[in-house]
Amino acid sequence: MRSFDIQSPNKSLRPSIQKKIDNLNKPKGSLGRLESLAMQICLIQQTLSPSLSHPCHLLLGGDHGIEREGVSVSPREVTWQQMINFTKGGGGVNMFCRQHGFDLKIVDVGVDYDLSDYPQILNYKIARGTRDFLHEPAMTAEEFEKSISVGCKLVDECYQQGCRILSIGEMGIGNTSPSSIWMHLFTGIPLADCIGAGAGLNDEGIRHKYEILKKAVDNYQLSCHDISPIPYFGGFEMVTAIGAMLRAAEQHLIILIDGFIMTACALAAIQLYPAVKDYMIFTHCGDESGHQRMLEALEEKPLLHLGLRLGEGTGALCAFPIIDSAVRMINEMNNFDNANITRYF
């Protein structure tokens, strides 16, 4: 795997940032979470006047071999059907990107369908879906490296366009399964507590999903434990997201982390480079079973809990106005001296 130079943001600016926040014409600490967000963003960008210029949203599509085992209520053709729907502006992700001014980039990294007739979809297809990790690693070392590299390339293109804040979403039927396994292996939380309904499994479906994933984990631990769980279980869209997160941190971008799948990708990225977490804002807790526990394992409190489980990065996009408010606070609020107001804290 390519190496990354990811360092925690330099903290020497912290006293100056805190002084600016405390001298805004408000009671000290009265804007709560907005103040801590402003601090984090200023440290990431190493400035007292941060910017959210040219926000970009990567929508990454890929299929999963494990879907063949009946672990999802939705068939794999939904992946390519939704990818086409996104090109027509009809998805939830389209609506929220329009609402909040995000540059949406729809990317095929592993959809099991020929999408070449849709020029709106960036073609970085690595293969037509991963292999079935119940029986073998989901991807080869070469495919893993290519996925990481695609994520880096996408971020570099966004950065060159002036992007300073990035959100990432996914479209891939079956991708809660590798997410649950990563959560289990990286946190030690029992596998049963990491598995939920995904797109709508009933109780019997969840039991079947657990049995399949438990067998896959047992097979891995018995014979393939020398291979990282990231390529062994991951999807192309998920590993591409990891590459994007690592490169975004290297470029000092703000990274908005969406729901269960993207939180699992963040968890995996943190296993590789712990400092990447300093560049992440965890935006919401979804309804997928285990998401709250994964956030607790990361010691993170999300900005929102709206009961979302759509994916596509929609939770991150919904949280953007809060982040925008934090930046507007530190950039636009007057201070006590300029406003001729006596400090009242």
Protein backbone atom coordinates (compact mmCIF):
# COMPACT_ATOMS: atom_id res chain seq x y z
CA MET A 1 0.00 0.00 0.00
CA ARG A 2 1.21 3.52 -0.75
CA SER A 3 2.32 5.47 2.29
CA PHE A 4 0.75 8.70 3.53
CA ASP A 5 2.22 11.57 5.51
CA ILE A 6 -0.62 12.28 7.92
CA GLN A 7 0.19 14.31 11.00
CA SER A 8 -2.18 15.68 13.60
CA PRO A 9 -2.78 19.40 13.02
CA ASN A 10 -0.27 21.71 14.70
CA LYS A 11 -1.79 22.81 18.01
CA SER A 12 0.30 25.99 18.43
CA LEU A 13 -2.53 28.10 17.00
CA ARG A 14 -5.02 26.83 19.57
CA PRO A 15 -4.63 29.72 22.11
CA SER A 16 -5.16 32.33 19.38
CA ILE A 17 -8.22 30.50 18.05
CA GLN A 18 -9.66 30.17 21.55
CA LYS A 19 -9.06 33.85 22.23
CA LYS A 20 -10.91 34.82 19.05
CA ILE A 21 -13.84 32.53 19.91
CA ASP A 22 -14.02 33.76 23.51
CA ASN A 23 -14.01 37.41 22.42
CA LEU A 24 -16.94 37.09 20.07
CA ASN A 25 -19.87 39.12 21.46
CA LYS A 26 -21.56 36.27 23.33
CA PRO A 27 -21.23 34.59 26.72
CA LYS A 28 -18.16 32.38 26.82
CA GLY A 29 -18.98 28.89 25.58
CA SER A 30 -22.58 29.82 24.81
CA LEU A 31 -22.47 28.49 21.25
CA GLY A 32 -21.47 25.06 22.50
CA ARG A 33 -20.70 22.53 19.79
CA LEU A 34 -20.29 25.28 17.19
CA GLU A 35 -17.29 26.53 19.14
CA SER A 36 -15.57 23.15 19.25
CA LEU A 37 -16.29 22.67 15.54
CA ALA A 38 -14.77 26.05 14.76
CA MET A 39 -11.70 25.11 16.78
CA GLN A 40 -11.29 21.81 14.92
CA ILE A 41 -11.74 23.44 11.51
CA CYS A 42 -9.31 26.26 12.28
CA LEU A 43 -6.70 23.75 13.40
CA ILE A 44 -7.20 21.62 10.29
CA GLN A 45 -6.75 24.65 8.04
CA GLN A 46 -4.20 26.35 10.33
CA THR A 47 -5.98 29.69 10.19
CA LEU A 48 -8.20 31.97 12.27
CA SER A 49 -10.38 32.60 9.20
CA PRO A 50 -11.42 29.19 7.86
CA SER A 51 -13.17 28.52 4.56
CA LEU A 52 -15.55 25.86 3.28
CA SER A 53 -14.78 26.59 -0.35
CA HIS A 54 -15.98 24.34 -3.19
CA PRO A 55 -17.50 21.52 -1.10
CA CYS A 56 -17.34 18.19 -2.94
CA HIS A 57 -19.26 14.97 -2.47
CA LEU A 58 -17.91 11.67 -3.75
CA LEU A 59 -20.63 9.09 -4.44
CA LEU A 60 -18.82 5.75 -4.89
CA GLY A 61 -20.57 2.72 -6.37
CA GLY A 62 -19.56 -0.94 -6.11
CA ASP A 63 -21.04 -4.41 -5.79
CA HIS A 64 -20.20 -7.19 -3.33
CA GLY A 65 -19.74 -10.91 -3.84
CA ILE A 66 -21.20 -11.61 -0.41
CA GLU A 67 -24.57 -10.33 -1.72
CA ARG A 68 -24.88 -13.70 -3.49
CA GLU A 69 -25.32 -15.31 -0.05
CA GLY A 70 -28.67 -13.64 0.58
CA VAL A 71 -27.43 -11.17 3.21
CA SER A 72 -29.40 -8.26 1.76
CA VAL A 73 -33.11 -7.83 1.10
CA SER A 74 -32.24 -5.84 -2.04
CA PRO A 75 -30.80 -7.50 -5.17
CA ARG A 76 -27.54 -6.28 -6.63
CA GLU A 77 -29.16 -4.72 -9.70
CA VAL A 78 -30.40 -1.94 -7.42
CA THR A 79 -26.80 -0.67 -7.32
CA TRP A 80 -26.59 0.08 -11.04
CA GLN A 81 -30.20 1.21 -11.22
CA GLN A 82 -29.58 3.79 -8.52
CA MET A 83 -26.31 4.90 -10.12
CA ILE A 84 -28.25 5.70 -13.29
CA ASN A 85 -30.93 7.43 -11.22
CA PHE A 86 -28.24 9.68 -9.72
CA THR A 87 -27.27 10.86 -13.21
CA LYS A 88 -30.84 12.10 -13.65
CA GLY A 89 -30.78 14.04 -10.40
CA GLY A 90 -33.42 11.85 -8.79
CA GLY A 91 -31.65 10.53 -5.69
CA GLY A 92 -31.60 11.78 -2.13
CA VAL A 93 -27.93 12.61 -2.59
CA ASN A 94 -28.76 14.79 -5.61
CA MET A 95 -31.34 16.78 -3.66
CA PHE A 96 -29.06 17.47 -0.72
CA CYS A 97 -26.08 18.33 -2.92
CA ARG A 98 -28.23 20.87 -4.78
CA GLN A 99 -29.55 22.27 -1.51
CA HIS A 100 -26.12 22.80 0.05
CA GLY A 101 -24.05 23.62 -3.03
CA PHE A 102 -21.91 20.47 -3.17
CA ASP A 103 -20.16 19.43 -6.37
CA LEU A 104 -21.43 15.85 -6.78
CA LYS A 105 -19.07 13.36 -8.41
CA ILE A 106 -20.69 10.00 -9.22
CA VAL A 107 -18.00 7.32 -9.48
CA ASP A 108 -18.14 3.69 -10.59
CA VAL A 109 -15.35 1.76 -8.90
CA GLY A 110 -16.93 -1.70 -8.96
CA VAL A 111 -20.53 -1.84 -10.17
CA ASP A 112 -21.53 -5.13 -11.77
CA TYR A 113 -22.93 -3.42 -14.86
CA ASP A 114 -21.67 -1.54 -17.91
CA LEU A 115 -22.28 2.14 -17.15
CA SER A 116 -20.15 3.46 -20.01
CA ASP A 117 -23.22 4.96 -21.72
CA TYR A 118 -23.52 7.47 -18.87
CA PRO A 119 -20.79 10.11 -19.18
CA GLN A 120 -21.94 11.72 -15.92
CA ILE A 121 -20.50 8.68 -14.11
CA LEU A 122 -16.73 8.75 -13.70
CA ASN A 123 -15.39 5.37 -14.79
CA TYR A 124 -12.77 3.99 -12.43
CA LYS A 125 -14.15 0.46 -12.46
CA ILE A 126 -11.70 -1.95 -10.83
CA ALA A 127 -13.83 -5.05 -11.43
CA ARG A 128 -17.50 -5.90 -11.69
CA GLY A 129 -17.93 -6.44 -7.98
CA THR A 130 -15.75 -8.09 -5.37
CA ARG A 131 -15.45 -11.84 -4.77
CA ASP A 132 -17.52 -13.68 -2.18
CA PHE A 133 -15.55 -13.37 1.06
CA LEU A 134 -17.37 -16.37 2.49
CA HIS A 135 -15.01 -18.45 0.35
CA GLU A 136 -12.03 -16.21 -0.57
CA PRO A 137 -10.66 -12.69 -0.13
CA ALA A 138 -12.95 -10.05 -1.60
CA MET A 139 -10.12 -8.46 -3.57
CA THR A 140 -6.51 -9.04 -4.56
CA ALA A 141 -3.60 -6.96 -3.28
CA GLU A 142 -3.45 -5.25 -6.66
CA GLU A 143 -7.16 -4.38 -6.57
CA PHE A 144 -6.76 -3.06 -3.03
CA GLU A 145 -3.89 -0.80 -4.10
CA LYS A 146 -5.84 0.40 -7.12
CA SER A 147 -8.85 1.24 -4.94
CA ILE A 148 -6.68 3.30 -2.59
CA SER A 149 -5.10 5.08 -5.56
CA VAL A 150 -8.47 5.92 -7.12
CA GLY A 151 -9.57 7.50 -3.84
CA CYS A 152 -6.40 9.60 -3.81
CA LYS A 153 -6.87 10.68 -7.41
CA LEU A 154 -10.45 11.76 -6.80
CA VAL A 155 -9.42 13.87 -3.82
CA ASP A 156 -6.56 15.46 -5.76
CA GLU A 157 -9.01 16.47 -8.49
CA CYS A 158 -11.33 18.02 -5.89
CA TYR A 159 -8.44 19.80 -4.20
CA GLN A 160 -7.23 21.27 -7.48
CA GLN A 161 -10.73 22.67 -8.00
CA GLY A 162 -10.48 24.52 -4.69
CA CYS A 163 -12.22 21.99 -2.44
CA ARG A 164 -11.52 22.36 1.28
CA ILE A 165 -14.33 20.21 2.65
CA LEU A 166 -15.17 16.70 1.44
CA SER A 167 -18.02 14.32 2.10
CA ILE A 168 -18.19 10.73 0.89
CA GLY A 169 -21.14 8.45 0.25
CA GLU A 170 -21.64 4.97 -1.15
CA MET A 171 -23.98 2.90 -3.26
CA GLY A 172 -23.45 -0.83 -2.96
CA ILE A 173 -25.99 -3.51 -2.11
CA GLY A 174 -24.58 -5.74 0.61
CA ASN A 175 -22.04 -3.29 2.02
CA THR A 176 -23.39 -3.39 5.57
CA SER A 177 -21.92 -6.92 5.75
CA PRO A 178 -18.23 -5.99 5.41
CA SER A 179 -18.91 -2.94 7.57
CA SER A 180 -20.24 -5.17 10.37
CA ILE A 181 -17.21 -7.44 10.13
CA TRP A 182 -14.74 -4.53 10.21
CA MET A 183 -16.57 -3.17 13.25
CA HIS A 184 -16.33 -6.53 14.98
CA LEU A 185 -12.67 -7.15 14.19
CA PHE A 186 -11.42 -3.61 14.88
CA THR A 187 -13.39 -2.94 18.07
CA GLY A 188 -13.86 -6.39 19.61
CA ILE A 189 -17.62 -5.85 19.85
CA PRO A 190 -19.42 -9.20 19.44
CA LEU A 191 -20.37 -9.83 15.83
CA ALA A 192 -24.05 -10.29 16.68
CA ASP A 193 -24.11 -6.73 18.06
CA CYS A 194 -22.61 -5.39 14.84
CA ILE A 195 -25.24 -6.80 12.49
CA GLY A 196 -28.49 -5.09 11.66
CA ALA A 197 -31.30 -5.07 9.14
CA GLY A 198 -29.39 -3.24 6.41
CA ALA A 199 -31.93 -2.19 3.78
CA GLY A 200 -34.76 -3.97 5.60
CA LEU A 201 -34.09 -7.59 6.62
CA ASN A 202 -36.58 -9.24 8.95
CA ASP A 203 -35.54 -11.23 12.03
CA GLU A 204 -35.00 -14.43 10.05
CA GLY A 205 -32.96 -12.50 7.50
CA ILE A 206 -30.79 -11.03 10.24
CA ARG A 207 -30.19 -14.52 11.69
CA HIS A 208 -29.17 -15.78 8.26
CA LYS A 209 -26.88 -12.80 7.78
CA TYR A 210 -25.22 -13.47 11.13
CA GLU A 211 -24.64 -17.15 10.29
CA ILE A 212 -23.04 -16.26 6.96
CA LEU A 213 -20.83 -13.52 8.39
CA LYS A 214 -19.83 -15.65 11.40
CA LYS A 215 -18.74 -18.44 9.07
CA ALA A 216 -16.82 -15.95 6.91
CA VAL A 217 -14.99 -14.57 9.95
CA ASP A 218 -14.19 -18.08 11.17
CA ASN A 219 -12.81 -19.02 7.75
CA TYR A 220 -10.67 -15.88 7.74
CA GLN A 221 -9.29 -16.44 11.22
CA LEU A 222 -8.54 -20.10 10.53
CA SER A 223 -6.66 -19.74 7.26
CA CYS A 224 -6.17 -16.14 6.11
CA HIS A 225 -5.46 -14.11 9.25
CA ASP A 226 -2.19 -12.88 7.74
CA ILE A 227 -4.21 -10.81 5.25
CA SER A 228 -5.59 -7.49 6.48
CA PRO A 229 -9.35 -7.52 7.07
CA ILE A 230 -9.61 -4.38 4.94
CA PRO A 231 -8.99 -6.03 1.53
CA TYR A 232 -10.25 -9.43 2.67
CA PHE A 233 -13.78 -8.21 3.41
CA GLY A 234 -14.04 -4.72 1.93
CA GLY A 235 -15.82 -3.46 -1.15
CA PHE A 236 -14.18 -1.43 -3.87
CA GLU A 237 -16.28 1.60 -2.98
CA MET A 238 -15.31 1.21 0.68
CA VAL A 239 -11.56 0.90 0.11
CA THR A 240 -11.73 3.80 -2.36
CA ALA A 241 -13.37 5.81 0.42
CA ILE A 242 -10.52 4.89 2.76
CA GLY A 243 -7.99 6.09 0.19
CA ALA A 244 -9.96 9.31 -0.21
CA MET A 245 -10.04 9.88 3.56
CA LEU A 246 -6.30 9.34 3.91
CA ARG A 247 -5.44 11.62 1.01
CA ALA A 248 -7.91 14.27 2.21
CA ALA A 249 -6.21 14.30 5.63
CA GLU A 250 -2.83 14.55 3.93
CA GLN A 251 -4.16 17.62 2.08
CA HIS A 252 -5.62 19.08 5.30
CA LEU A 253 -9.23 18.87 4.11
CA ILE A 254 -12.23 18.65 6.41
CA ILE A 255 -13.76 15.17 6.05
CA LEU A 256 -17.45 14.66 6.76
CA ILE A 257 -18.20 11.11 7.88
CA ASP A 258 -21.67 9.80 7.06
CA GLY A 259 -23.51 6.75 8.41
CA PHE A 260 -22.76 3.14 9.28
CA ILE A 261 -20.75 2.19 6.18
CA MET A 262 -18.69 5.37 6.06
CA THR A 263 -18.08 5.20 9.81
CA ALA A 264 -16.75 1.66 9.28
CA CYS A 265 -14.49 3.02 6.53
CA ALA A 266 -13.33 5.76 8.90
CA LEU A 267 -12.65 3.11 11.54
CA ALA A 268 -10.54 1.17 9.03
CA ALA A 269 -8.67 4.30 7.94
CA ILE A 270 -7.89 5.08 11.59
CA GLN A 271 -6.41 1.59 11.99
CA LEU A 272 -3.94 2.48 9.24
CA TYR A 273 -3.22 6.10 10.22
CA PRO A 274 -4.64 7.14 13.61
CA ALA A 275 -4.05 10.87 12.97
CA VAL A 276 -6.63 10.83 10.16
CA LYS A 277 -9.32 11.05 12.84
CA ASP A 278 -8.35 14.65 13.62
CA TYR A 279 -9.63 15.69 10.18
CA MET A 280 -13.00 13.93 10.52
CA ILE A 281 -16.33 15.33 11.63
CA PHE A 282 -18.80 12.56 12.45
CA THR A 283 -22.05 13.98 11.20
CA HIS A 284 -24.87 11.70 12.27
CA CYS A 285 -25.86 8.44 13.87
CA GLY A 286 -28.13 6.33 11.73
CA ASP A 287 -30.63 3.64 12.61
CA GLU A 288 -28.47 0.70 11.49
CA SER A 289 -27.88 -1.57 14.47
CA GLY A 290 -24.41 -1.08 15.87
CA HIS A 291 -23.76 2.41 14.52
CA GLN A 292 -24.07 4.04 17.93
CA ARG A 293 -21.72 1.45 19.44
CA MET A 294 -19.16 2.01 16.70
CA LEU A 295 -19.26 5.76 17.32
CA GLU A 296 -18.83 5.11 21.05
CA ALA A 297 -15.81 2.91 20.30
CA LEU A 298 -14.36 5.84 18.35
CA GLU A 299 -15.25 8.17 21.26
CA GLU A 300 -17.22 10.38 18.91
CA LYS A 301 -20.54 12.18 19.35
CA PRO A 302 -22.28 12.81 16.01
CA LEU A 303 -23.89 16.13 15.18
CA LEU A 304 -27.26 14.63 14.25
CA HIS A 305 -29.46 11.64 14.97
CA LEU A 306 -32.24 11.77 12.39
CA GLY A 307 -32.96 8.06 12.05
CA LEU A 308 -31.41 7.98 8.58
CA ARG A 309 -30.28 4.75 6.93
CA LEU A 310 -30.32 5.68 3.26
CA GLY A 311 -26.57 5.88 2.77
CA GLU A 312 -25.25 7.85 -0.19
CA GLY A 313 -23.67 10.32 2.24
CA THR A 314 -27.01 11.98 2.92
CA GLY A 315 -26.43 12.37 6.65
CA ALA A 316 -23.17 14.22 6.07
CA LEU A 317 -24.88 16.57 3.64
CA CYS A 318 -27.72 17.23 6.09
CA ALA A 319 -25.18 18.22 8.74
CA PHE A 320 -23.37 20.69 6.52
CA PRO A 321 -25.40 23.76 7.61
CA ILE A 322 -24.26 23.21 11.20
CA ILE A 323 -20.64 23.17 10.09
CA ASP A 324 -21.28 26.25 7.96
CA SER A 325 -22.73 27.97 11.03
CA ALA A 326 -19.57 27.22 13.02
CA VAL A 327 -17.42 28.80 10.31
CA ARG A 328 -19.74 31.80 9.95
CA MET A 329 -19.62 32.26 13.72
CA ILE A 330 -15.87 32.67 13.86
CA ASN A 331 -15.66 34.66 10.63
CA GLU A 332 -18.70 36.94 10.87
CA MET A 333 -19.64 37.55 14.49
CA ASN A 334 -18.46 40.82 15.94
CA ASN A 335 -16.23 40.96 19.01
CA PHE A 336 -16.74 42.90 22.21
CA ASP A 337 -14.27 45.66 21.34
CA ASN A 338 -15.68 46.43 17.90
CA ALA A 339 -19.27 46.24 19.12
CA ASN A 340 -18.57 48.44 22.16
CA ILE A 341 -20.15 45.85 24.42
CA THR A 342 -18.90 45.18 27.94
CA ARG A 343 -17.64 41.61 28.34
CA TYR A 344 -20.28 39.77 30.30
CA PHE A 345 -18.72 36.40 31.00
